[in-house]
Every structure is written in C-alpha cells, then in structure tokens.
Amino acid sequence: MCATPTGQQAFAVWQSRSLTQLLIKDNWARYSIQEIDLVAFIEQVIPFIIENNTLLSVNLTPEGQNILVSGSKFLIDMKKALYALYLEQPALF
C-alpha cells in the first residue's frame, strides 16, 4: 500500500517486473516483488480495493508519477478490454 499526494490509500501495481524493480530501494527496500495471477487479481484484489475505498496506483515511478484509478473503473475497463479481445481473437478464449 502507498498513498496519493492527498493522503488517500492506494494499492501499487506494475505491468512488468522491470518497472517494479526501479522502486525497490530507499523506502521500498524492505518490500519484495510478487506476481499476482490475473484471475486472483480480479476476484480478490479488486473487491478489496472497492470495499476499502482504495485506489490502484498503476506503474508508480521513482519520481512519484502514476495512473490512479478506482477499483470499479479498473474492473469496467478490464471487462471492456477482454470483451474486445474476445471479439477480435476468440481463439484465445
């Protein structure tokens, strides 16, 4: 967990291990990288985020830049992206 500049809690996630490793120093040195299966992320993490009124902090950089999104918005966007992929490449499903 981390916080936004206004103090709201956020759950930090990155799209790749290499982006994550940029932060594993200083205040983040005691943390380790853990991959989360997409199904577990959607079924467990997103409901936690929504229930606790927490944001997702996507691709947080050492400079503090990121994309902040609510769990509900992320879930809607994920469903749209998966549906579009299903329509374009149904063989993947």
PDB file of N, CA and C in Angstrom:
ATOM      1  N   MET A   1       0.843  -1.178   0.000  1.00  0.00           N
ATOM      2  CA  MET A   1       0.000   0.000   0.000  1.00  0.00           C
ATOM      3  C   MET A   1       0.891   1.244   0.000  1.00  0.00           C
ATOM      4  N   CYS A   2       0.397   2.263  -0.658  1.00  0.00           N
ATOM      5  CA  CYS A   2       1.060   3.551  -0.670  1.00  0.00           C
ATOM      6  C   CYS A   2      -0.031   4.608  -0.532  1.00  0.00           C
ATOM      7  N   ALA A   3       0.316   5.842  -0.701  1.00  0.00           N
ATOM      8  CA  ALA A   3      -0.673   6.907  -0.570  1.00  0.00           C
ATOM      9  C   ALA A   3      -0.530   7.913  -1.698  1.00  0.00           C
ATOM     10  N   THR A   4      -1.634   8.563  -2.012  1.00  0.00           N
ATOM     11  CA  THR A   4      -1.630   9.620  -3.019  1.00  0.00           C
ATOM     12  C   THR A   4      -1.124  10.900  -2.368  1.00  0.00           C
ATOM     13  N   PRO A   5      -0.839  11.930  -3.137  1.00  0.00           N
ATOM     14  CA  PRO A   5      -0.412  13.206  -2.548  1.00  0.00           C
ATOM     15  C   PRO A   5      -1.437  13.796  -1.575  1.00  0.00           C
ATOM     16  N   THR A   6      -2.715  13.418  -1.738  1.00  0.00           N
ATOM     17  CA  THR A   6      -3.750  13.920  -0.830  1.00  0.00           C
ATOM     18  C   THR A   6      -3.949  13.010   0.377  1.00  0.00           C
ATOM     19  N   GLY A   7      -3.194  11.901   0.425  1.00  0.00           N
ATOM     20  CA  GLY A   7      -3.250  11.006   1.573  1.00  0.00           C
ATOM     21  C   GLY A   7      -4.180   9.817   1.432  1.00  0.00           C
ATOM     22  N   GLN A   8      -4.845   9.660   0.297  1.00  0.00           N
ATOM     23  CA  GLN A   8      -5.718   8.505   0.102  1.00  0.00           C
ATOM     24  C   GLN A   8      -4.875   7.263  -0.147  1.00  0.00           C
ATOM     25  N   GLN A   9      -5.281   6.144   0.462  1.00  0.00           N
ATOM     26  CA  GLN A   9      -4.548   4.899   0.280  1.00  0.00           C
ATOM     27  C   GLN A   9      -4.665   4.404  -1.150  1.00  0.00           C
ATOM     28  N   ALA A  10      -3.574   3.794  -1.629  1.00  0.00           N
ATOM     29  CA  ALA A  10      -3.549   3.225  -2.968  1.00  0.00           C
ATOM     30  C   ALA A  10      -2.769   1.909  -2.932  1.00  0.00           C
ATOM     31  N   PHE A  11      -3.172   0.998  -3.769  1.00  0.00           N
ATOM     32  CA  PHE A  11      -2.511  -0.297  -3.913  1.00  0.00           C
ATOM     33  C   PHE A  11      -1.667  -0.218  -5.177  1.00  0.00           C
ATOM     34  N   ALA A  12      -0.363  -0.303  -5.021  1.00  0.00           N
ATOM     35  CA  ALA A  12       0.549  -0.131  -6.159  1.00  0.00           C
ATOM     36  C   ALA A  12       0.666  -1.424  -6.960  1.00  0.00           C
ATOM     37  N   VAL A  13       0.507  -1.303  -8.283  1.00  0.00           N
ATOM     38  CA  VAL A  13       0.691  -2.421  -9.209  1.00  0.00           C
ATOM     39  C   VAL A  13       1.478  -1.915 -10.415  1.00  0.00           C
ATOM     40  N   TRP A  14       2.227  -2.841 -11.020  1.00  0.00           N
ATOM     41  CA  TRP A  14       3.020  -2.512 -12.194  1.00  0.00           C
ATOM     42  C   TRP A  14       2.740  -3.540 -13.273  1.00  0.00           C
ATOM     43  N   GLN A  15       2.919  -3.157 -14.518  1.00  0.00           N
ATOM     44  CA  GLN A  15       2.674  -4.074 -15.627  1.00  0.00           C
ATOM     45  C   GLN A  15       3.840  -5.022 -15.869  1.00  0.00           C
ATOM     46  N   SER A  16       5.008  -4.716 -15.312  1.00  0.00           N
ATOM     47  CA  SER A  16       6.149  -5.605 -15.528  1.00  0.00           C
ATOM     48  C   SER A  16       7.092  -5.556 -14.326  1.00  0.00           C
ATOM     49  N   ARG A  17       7.841  -6.635 -14.179  1.00  0.00           N
ATOM     50  CA  ARG A  17       8.817  -6.754 -13.090  1.00  0.00           C
ATOM     51  C   ARG A  17       9.882  -5.659 -13.188  1.00  0.00           C
ATOM     52  N   SER A  18      10.312  -5.325 -14.400  1.00  0.00           N
ATOM     53  CA  SER A  18      11.377  -4.328 -14.561  1.00  0.00           C
ATOM     54  C   SER A  18      10.943  -2.947 -14.045  1.00  0.00           C
ATOM     55  N   LEU A  19       9.691  -2.585 -14.266  1.00  0.00           N
ATOM     56  CA  LEU A  19       9.193  -1.309 -13.733  1.00  0.00           C
ATOM     57  C   LEU A  19       9.151  -1.334 -12.208  1.00  0.00           C
ATOM     58  N   THR A  20       8.783  -2.464 -11.659  1.00  0.00           N
ATOM     59  CA  THR A  20       8.716  -2.611 -10.204  1.00  0.00           C
ATOM     60  C   THR A  20      10.097  -2.467  -9.588  1.00  0.00           C
ATOM     61  N   GLN A  21      11.086  -3.069 -10.208  1.00  0.00           N
ATOM     62  CA  GLN A  21      12.435  -3.075  -9.653  1.00  0.00           C
ATOM     63  C   GLN A  21      13.029  -1.675  -9.537  1.00  0.00           C
ATOM     64  N   LEU A  22      12.515  -0.724 -10.292  1.00  0.00           N
ATOM     65  CA  LEU A  22      13.011   0.652 -10.190  1.00  0.00           C
ATOM     66  C   LEU A  22      12.729   1.253  -8.813  1.00  0.00           C
ATOM     67  N   LEU A  23      11.719   0.737  -8.112  1.00  0.00           N
ATOM     68  CA  LEU A  23      11.342   1.295  -6.816  1.00  0.00           C
ATOM     69  C   LEU A  23      11.902   0.528  -5.624  1.00  0.00           C
ATOM     70  N   ILE A  24      12.489  -0.628  -5.843  1.00  0.00           N
ATOM     71  CA  ILE A  24      12.969  -1.446  -4.728  1.00  0.00           C
ATOM     72  C   ILE A  24      14.281  -0.869  -4.189  1.00  0.00           C
ATOM     73  N   LYS A  25      14.150   0.273  -3.511  1.00  0.00           N
ATOM     74  CA  LYS A  25      15.270   0.936  -2.859  1.00  0.00           C
ATOM     75  C   LYS A  25      14.702   1.935  -1.857  1.00  0.00           C
ATOM     76  N   ASP A  26      15.526   2.508  -1.038  1.00  0.00           N
ATOM     77  CA  ASP A  26      15.124   3.512  -0.044  1.00  0.00           C
ATOM     78  C   ASP A  26      13.899   3.038   0.749  1.00  0.00           C
ATOM     79  N   ASN A  27      12.799   3.774   0.694  1.00  0.00           N
ATOM     80  CA  ASN A  27      11.601   3.432   1.472  1.00  0.00           C
ATOM     81  C   ASN A  27      10.989   2.092   1.066  1.00  0.00           C
ATOM     82  N   TRP A  28      11.248   1.653  -0.139  1.00  0.00           N
ATOM     83  CA  TRP A  28      10.660   0.421  -0.642  1.00  0.00           C
ATOM     84  C   TRP A  28      11.611  -0.777  -0.520  1.00  0.00           C
ATOM     85  N   ALA A  29      12.791  -0.579   0.062  1.00  0.00           N
ATOM     86  CA  ALA A  29      13.808  -1.632   0.108  1.00  0.00           C
ATOM     87  C   ALA A  29      13.346  -2.881   0.858  1.00  0.00           C
ATOM     88  N   ARG A  30      12.459  -2.742   1.810  1.00  0.00           N
ATOM     89  CA  ARG A  30      12.028  -3.903   2.600  1.00  0.00           C
ATOM     90  C   ARG A  30      10.899  -4.695   1.927  1.00  0.00           C
ATOM     91  N   TYR A  31      10.466  -4.239   0.766  1.00  0.00           N
ATOM     92  CA  TYR A  31       9.397  -4.926   0.044  1.00  0.00           C
ATOM     93  C   TYR A  31       9.971  -5.869  -1.003  1.00  0.00           C
ATOM     94  N   SER A  32       9.195  -6.862  -1.369  1.00  0.00           N
ATOM     95  CA  SER A  32       9.611  -7.776  -2.431  1.00  0.00           C
ATOM     96  C   SER A  32       8.533  -7.798  -3.516  1.00  0.00           C
ATOM     97  N   ILE A  33       8.938  -8.184  -4.689  1.00  0.00           N
ATOM     98  CA  ILE A  33       8.038  -8.239  -5.834  1.00  0.00           C
ATOM     99  C   ILE A  33       7.268  -9.552  -5.781  1.00  0.00           C
ATOM    100  N   GLN A  34       5.950  -9.451  -5.936  1.00  0.00           N
ATOM    101  CA  GLN A  34       5.123 -10.651  -6.003  1.00  0.00           C
ATOM    102  C   GLN A  34       4.183 -10.535  -7.191  1.00  0.00           C
ATOM    103  N   GLU A  35       4.224 -11.526  -8.048  1.00  0.00           N
ATOM    104  CA  GLU A  35       3.314 -11.546  -9.181  1.00  0.00           C
ATOM    105  C   GLU A  35       1.943 -12.007  -8.707  1.00  0.00           C
ATOM    106  N   ILE A  36       0.912 -11.459  -9.333  1.00  0.00           N
ATOM    107  CA  ILE A  36      -0.456 -11.829  -8.999  1.00  0.00           C
ATOM    108  C   ILE A  36      -1.123 -12.351 -10.268  1.00  0.00           C
ATOM    109  N   ASP A  37      -1.676 -13.532 -10.186  1.00  0.00           N
ATOM    110  CA  ASP A  37      -2.425 -14.112 -11.287  1.00  0.00           C
ATOM    111  C   ASP A  37      -3.603 -13.200 -11.613  1.00  0.00           C
ATOM    112  N   LEU A  38      -3.897 -13.025 -12.900  1.00  0.00           N
ATOM    113  CA  LEU A  38      -4.962 -12.115 -13.321  1.00  0.00           C
ATOM    114  C   LEU A  38      -6.311 -12.479 -12.694  1.00  0.00           C
ATOM    115  N   VAL A  39      -6.642 -13.767 -12.651  1.00  0.00           N
ATOM    116  CA  VAL A  39      -7.923 -14.182 -12.061  1.00  0.00           C
ATOM    117  C   VAL A  39      -7.961 -13.835 -10.575  1.00  0.00           C
ATOM    118  N   ALA A  40      -6.894 -14.122  -9.861  1.00  0.00           N
ATOM    119  CA  ALA A  40      -6.838 -13.781  -8.433  1.00  0.00           C
ATOM    120  C   ALA A  40      -6.898 -12.275  -8.237  1.00  0.00           C
ATOM    121  N   PHE A  41      -6.249 -11.536  -9.112  1.00  0.00           N
ATOM    122  CA  PHE A  41      -6.269 -10.079  -9.026  1.00  0.00           C
ATOM    123  C   PHE A  41      -7.694  -9.553  -9.159  1.00  0.00           C
ATOM    124  N   ILE A  42      -8.419 -10.073 -10.150  1.00  0.00           N
ATOM    125  CA  ILE A  42      -9.787  -9.616 -10.389  1.00  0.00           C
ATOM    126  C   ILE A  42     -10.738 -10.107  -9.302  1.00  0.00           C
ATOM    127  N   GLU A  43     -10.570 -11.342  -8.850  1.00  0.00           N
ATOM    128  CA  GLU A  43     -11.506 -11.913  -7.876  1.00  0.00           C
ATOM    129  C   GLU A  43     -11.208 -11.544  -6.426  1.00  0.00           C
ATOM    130  N   GLN A  44      -9.961 -11.205  -6.115  1.00  0.00           N
ATOM    131  CA  GLN A  44      -9.604 -10.935  -4.722  1.00  0.00           C
ATOM    132  C   GLN A  44      -9.139  -9.504  -4.477  1.00  0.00           C
ATOM    133  N   VAL A  45      -8.201  -9.031  -5.280  1.00  0.00           N
ATOM    134  CA  VAL A  45      -7.632  -7.703  -5.049  1.00  0.00           C
ATOM    135  C   VAL A  45      -8.632  -6.599  -5.379  1.00  0.00           C
ATOM    136  N   ILE A  46      -9.262  -6.683  -6.539  1.00  0.00           N
ATOM    137  CA  ILE A  46     -10.195  -5.623  -6.938  1.00  0.00           C
ATOM    138  C   ILE A  46     -11.349  -5.488  -5.943  1.00  0.00           C
ATOM    139  N   PRO A  47     -11.986  -6.583  -5.486  1.00  0.00           N
ATOM    140  CA  PRO A  47     -13.027  -6.413  -4.463  1.00  0.00           C
ATOM    141  C   PRO A  47     -12.497  -5.760  -3.179  1.00  0.00           C
ATOM    142  N   PHE A  48     -11.260  -6.106  -2.784  1.00  0.00           N
ATOM    143  CA  PHE A  48     -10.648  -5.474  -1.608  1.00  0.00           C
ATOM    144  C   PHE A  48     -10.499  -3.971  -1.829  1.00  0.00           C
ATOM    145  N   ILE A  49     -10.024  -3.601  -3.008  1.00  0.00           N
ATOM    146  CA  ILE A  49      -9.832  -2.193  -3.359  1.00  0.00           C
ATOM    147  C   ILE A  49     -11.168  -1.448  -3.288  1.00  0.00           C
ATOM    148  N   ILE A  50     -12.205  -2.046  -3.864  1.00  0.00           N
ATOM    149  CA  ILE A  50     -13.530  -1.416  -3.885  1.00  0.00           C
ATOM    150  C   ILE A  50     -14.098  -1.295  -2.470  1.00  0.00           C
ATOM    151  N   GLU A  51     -14.044  -2.380  -1.701  1.00  0.00           N
ATOM    152  CA  GLU A  51     -14.605  -2.395  -0.347  1.00  0.00           C
ATOM    153  C   GLU A  51     -13.917  -1.395   0.581  1.00  0.00           C
ATOM    154  N   ASN A  52     -12.633  -1.162   0.373  1.00  0.00           N
ATOM    155  CA  ASN A  52     -11.866  -0.290   1.260  1.00  0.00           C
ATOM    156  C   ASN A  52     -11.666   1.114   0.700  1.00  0.00           C
ATOM    157  N   ASN A  53     -12.407   1.444  -0.360  1.00  0.00           N
ATOM    158  CA  ASN A  53     -12.328   2.774  -0.960  1.00  0.00           C
ATOM    159  C   ASN A  53     -10.881   3.194  -1.223  1.00  0.00           C
ATOM    160  N   THR A  54     -10.156   2.247  -1.791  1.00  0.00           N
ATOM    161  CA  THR A  54      -8.744   2.434  -2.100  1.00  0.00           C
ATOM    162  C   THR A  54      -8.601   2.592  -3.604  1.00  0.00           C
ATOM    163  N   LEU A  55      -7.550   3.234  -4.032  1.00  0.00           N
ATOM    164  CA  LEU A  55      -7.279   3.389  -5.457  1.00  0.00           C
ATOM    165  C   LEU A  55      -6.205   2.398  -5.895  1.00  0.00           C
ATOM    166  N   LEU A  56      -6.129   2.148  -7.179  1.00  0.00           N
ATOM    167  CA  LEU A  56      -4.994   1.434  -7.745  1.00  0.00           C
ATOM    168  C   LEU A  56      -3.997   2.480  -8.219  1.00  0.00           C
ATOM    169  N   SER A  57      -2.755   2.301  -7.854  1.00  0.00           N
ATOM    170  CA  SER A  57      -1.669   3.147  -8.328  1.00  0.00           C
ATOM    171  C   SER A  57      -0.921   2.324  -9.367  1.00  0.00           C
ATOM    172  N   VAL A  58      -1.152   2.625 -10.631  1.00  0.00           N
ATOM    173  CA  VAL A  58      -0.610   1.814 -11.721  1.00  0.00           C
ATOM    174  C   VAL A  58       0.713   2.405 -12.217  1.00  0.00           C
ATOM    175  N   ASN A  59       1.736   1.544 -12.238  1.00  0.00           N
ATOM    176  CA  ASN A  59       3.075   1.892 -12.744  1.00  0.00           C
ATOM    177  C   ASN A  59       3.687   3.095 -12.035  1.00  0.00           C
ATOM    178  N   LEU A  60       3.658   3.088 -10.718  1.00  0.00           N
ATOM    179  CA  LEU A  60       4.289   4.138  -9.908  1.00  0.00           C
ATOM    180  C   LEU A  60       5.778   4.204 -10.238  1.00  0.00           C
ATOM    181  N   THR A  61       6.281   5.403 -10.492  1.00  0.00           N
ATOM    182  CA  THR A  61       7.696   5.597 -10.828  1.00  0.00           C
ATOM    183  C   THR A  61       8.450   6.130  -9.613  1.00  0.00           C
ATOM    184  N   PRO A  62       9.782   6.070  -9.645  1.00  0.00           N
ATOM    185  CA  PRO A  62      10.555   6.649  -8.541  1.00  0.00           C
ATOM    186  C   PRO A  62      10.289   8.144  -8.358  1.00  0.00           C
ATOM    187  N   GLU A  63       9.859   8.820  -9.418  1.00  0.00           N
ATOM    188  CA  GLU A  63       9.551  10.253  -9.336  1.00  0.00           C
ATOM    189  C   GLU A  63       8.151  10.510  -8.783  1.00  0.00           C
ATOM    190  N   GLY A  64       7.395   9.454  -8.521  1.00  0.00           N
ATOM    191  CA  GLY A  64       6.058   9.597  -7.965  1.00  0.00           C
ATOM    192  C   GLY A  64       4.952   9.717  -8.995  1.00  0.00           C
ATOM    193  N   GLN A  65       5.280   9.515 -10.256  1.00  0.00           N
ATOM    194  CA  GLN A  65       4.247   9.571 -11.293  1.00  0.00           C
ATOM    195  C   GLN A  65       3.565   8.210 -11.393  1.00  0.00           C
ATOM    196  N   ASN A  66       2.262   8.233 -11.661  1.00  0.00           N
ATOM    197  CA  ASN A  66       1.498   7.003 -11.787  1.00  0.00           C
ATOM    198  C   ASN A  66       0.148   7.304 -12.424  1.00  0.00           C
ATOM    199  N   ILE A  67      -0.638   6.272 -12.581  1.00  0.00           N
ATOM    200  CA  ILE A  67      -2.024   6.415 -13.008  1.00  0.00           C
ATOM    201  C   ILE A  67      -2.868   5.943 -11.842  1.00  0.00           C
ATOM    202  N   LEU A  68      -3.735   6.807 -11.341  1.00  0.00           N
ATOM    203  CA  LEU A  68      -4.623   6.444 -10.244  1.00  0.00           C
ATOM    204  C   LEU A  68      -5.993   6.108 -10.808  1.00  0.00           C
ATOM    205  N   VAL A  69      -6.530   4.978 -10.398  1.00  0.00           N
ATOM    206  CA  VAL A  69      -7.838   4.548 -10.888  1.00  0.00           C
ATOM    207  C   VAL A  69      -8.573   3.814  -9.769  1.00  0.00           C
ATOM    208  N   SER A  70      -9.878   3.995  -9.729  1.00  0.00           N
ATOM    209  CA  SER A  70     -10.682   3.280  -8.731  1.00  0.00           C
ATOM    210  C   SER A  70     -10.795   1.815  -9.136  1.00  0.00           C
ATOM    211  N   GLY A  71     -11.067   0.967  -8.180  1.00  0.00           N
ATOM    212  CA  GLY A  71     -11.252  -0.450  -8.468  1.00  0.00           C
ATOM    213  C   GLY A  71     -12.406  -0.682  -9.421  1.00  0.00           C
ATOM    214  N   SER A  72     -13.496   0.051  -9.238  1.00  0.00           N
ATOM    215  CA  SER A  72     -14.671  -0.100 -10.110  1.00  0.00           C
ATOM    216  C   SER A  72     -14.340   0.278 -11.543  1.00  0.00           C
ATOM    217  N   LYS A  73     -13.661   1.384 -11.733  1.00  0.00           N
ATOM    218  CA  LYS A  73     -13.282   1.839 -13.076  1.00  0.00           C
ATOM    219  C   LYS A  73     -12.325   0.836 -13.724  1.00  0.00           C
ATOM    220  N   PHE A  74     -11.374   0.334 -12.958  1.00  0.00           N
ATOM    221  CA  PHE A  74     -10.432  -0.653 -13.484  1.00  0.00           C
ATOM    222  C   PHE A  74     -11.172  -1.900 -13.939  1.00  0.00           C
ATOM    223  N   LEU A  75     -12.120  -2.364 -13.129  1.00  0.00           N
ATOM    224  CA  LEU A  75     -12.872  -3.563 -13.461  1.00  0.00           C
ATOM    225  C   LEU A  75     -13.687  -3.363 -14.744  1.00  0.00           C
ATOM    226  N   ILE A  76     -14.332  -2.225 -14.877  1.00  0.00           N
ATOM    227  CA  ILE A  76     -15.094  -1.921 -16.092  1.00  0.00           C
ATOM    228  C   ILE A  76     -14.170  -1.892 -17.306  1.00  0.00           C
ATOM    229  N   ASP A  77     -13.032  -1.210 -17.179  1.00  0.00           N
ATOM    230  CA  ASP A  77     -12.082  -1.130 -18.294  1.00  0.00           C
ATOM    231  C   ASP A  77     -11.530  -2.509 -18.655  1.00  0.00           C
ATOM    232  N   MET A  78     -11.264  -3.345 -17.652  1.00  0.00           N
ATOM    233  CA  MET A  78     -10.746  -4.688 -17.896  1.00  0.00           C
ATOM    234  C   MET A  78     -11.785  -5.527 -18.636  1.00  0.00           C
ATOM    235  N   LYS A  79     -13.036  -5.440 -18.227  1.00  0.00           N
ATOM    236  CA  LYS A  79     -14.092  -6.190 -18.903  1.00  0.00           C
ATOM    237  C   LYS A  79     -14.232  -5.748 -20.359  1.00  0.00           C
ATOM    238  N   LYS A  80     -14.167  -4.445 -20.599  1.00  0.00           N
ATOM    239  CA  LYS A  80     -14.253  -3.938 -21.975  1.00  0.00           C
ATOM    240  C   LYS A  80     -13.083  -4.447 -22.817  1.00  0.00           C
ATOM    241  N   ALA A  81     -11.883  -4.418 -22.256  1.00  0.00           N
ATOM    242  CA  ALA A  81     -10.699  -4.860 -22.991  1.00  0.00           C
ATOM    243  C   ALA A  81     -10.770  -6.356 -23.289  1.00  0.00           C
ATOM    244  N   LEU A  82     -11.199  -7.153 -22.323  1.00  0.00           N
ATOM    245  CA  LEU A  82     -11.307  -8.592 -22.542  1.00  0.00           C
ATOM    246  C   LEU A  82     -12.399  -8.925 -23.561  1.00  0.00           C
ATOM    247  N   TYR A  83     -13.494  -8.191 -23.515  1.00  0.00           N
ATOM    248  CA  TYR A  83     -14.569  -8.417 -24.479  1.00  0.00           C
ATOM    249  C   TYR A  83     -14.102  -8.057 -25.894  1.00  0.00           C
ATOM    250  N   ALA A  84     -13.396  -6.946 -26.020  1.00  0.00           N
ATOM    251  CA  ALA A  84     -12.867  -6.553 -27.330  1.00  0.00           C
ATOM    252  C   ALA A  84     -11.884  -7.605 -27.847  1.00  0.00           C
ATOM    253  N   LEU A  85     -11.045  -8.116 -26.968  1.00  0.00           N
ATOM    254  CA  LEU A  85     -10.103  -9.166 -27.355  1.00  0.00           C
ATOM    255  C   LEU A  85     -10.854 -10.424 -27.780  1.00  0.00           C
ATOM    256  N   TYR A  86     -11.908 -10.760 -27.049  1.00  0.00           N
ATOM    257  CA  TYR A  86     -12.729 -11.918 -27.385  1.00  0.00           C
ATOM    258  C   TYR A  86     -13.345 -11.767 -28.782  1.00  0.00           C
ATOM    259  N   LEU A  87     -13.820 -10.577 -29.092  1.00  0.00           N
ATOM    260  CA  LEU A  87     -14.419 -10.348 -30.406  1.00  0.00           C
ATOM    261  C   LEU A  87     -13.385 -10.411 -31.524  1.00  0.00           C
ATOM    262  N   GLU A  88     -12.183  -9.919 -31.254  1.00  0.00           N
ATOM    263  CA  GLU A  88     -11.136  -9.865 -32.272  1.00  0.00           C
ATOM    264  C   GLU A  88     -10.388 -11.186 -32.427  1.00  0.00           C
ATOM    265  N   GLN A  89     -10.185 -11.888 -31.297  1.00  0.00           N
ATOM    266  CA  GLN A  89      -9.408 -13.125 -31.318  1.00  0.00           C
ATOM    267  C   GLN A  89     -10.067 -14.185 -30.428  1.00  0.00           C
ATOM    268  N   PRO A  90     -11.228 -14.688 -30.817  1.00  0.00           N
ATOM    269  CA  PRO A  90     -11.950 -15.647 -29.974  1.00  0.00           C
ATOM    270  C   PRO A  90     -11.164 -16.931 -29.684  1.00  0.00           C
ATOM    271  N   ALA A  91     -10.223 -17.262 -30.519  1.00  0.00           N
ATOM    272  CA  ALA A  91      -9.441 -18.478 -30.300  1.00  0.00           C
ATOM    273  C   ALA A  91      -8.618 -18.412 -29.010  1.00  0.00           C
ATOM    274  N   LEU A  92      -8.344 -17.214 -28.538  1.00  0.00           N
ATOM    275  CA  LEU A  92      -7.595 -17.075 -27.294  1.00  0.00           C
ATOM    276  C   LEU A  92      -8.406 -17.500 -26.076  1.00  0.00           C
ATOM    277  N   PHE A  93      -9.719 -17.553 -26.250  1.00  0.00           N
ATOM    278  CA  PHE A  93     -10.577 -17.937 -25.137  1.00  0.00           C
ATOM    279  C   PHE A  93     -10.955 -19.379 -25.298  1.00  0.00           C
TER     280      PHE A  93
END
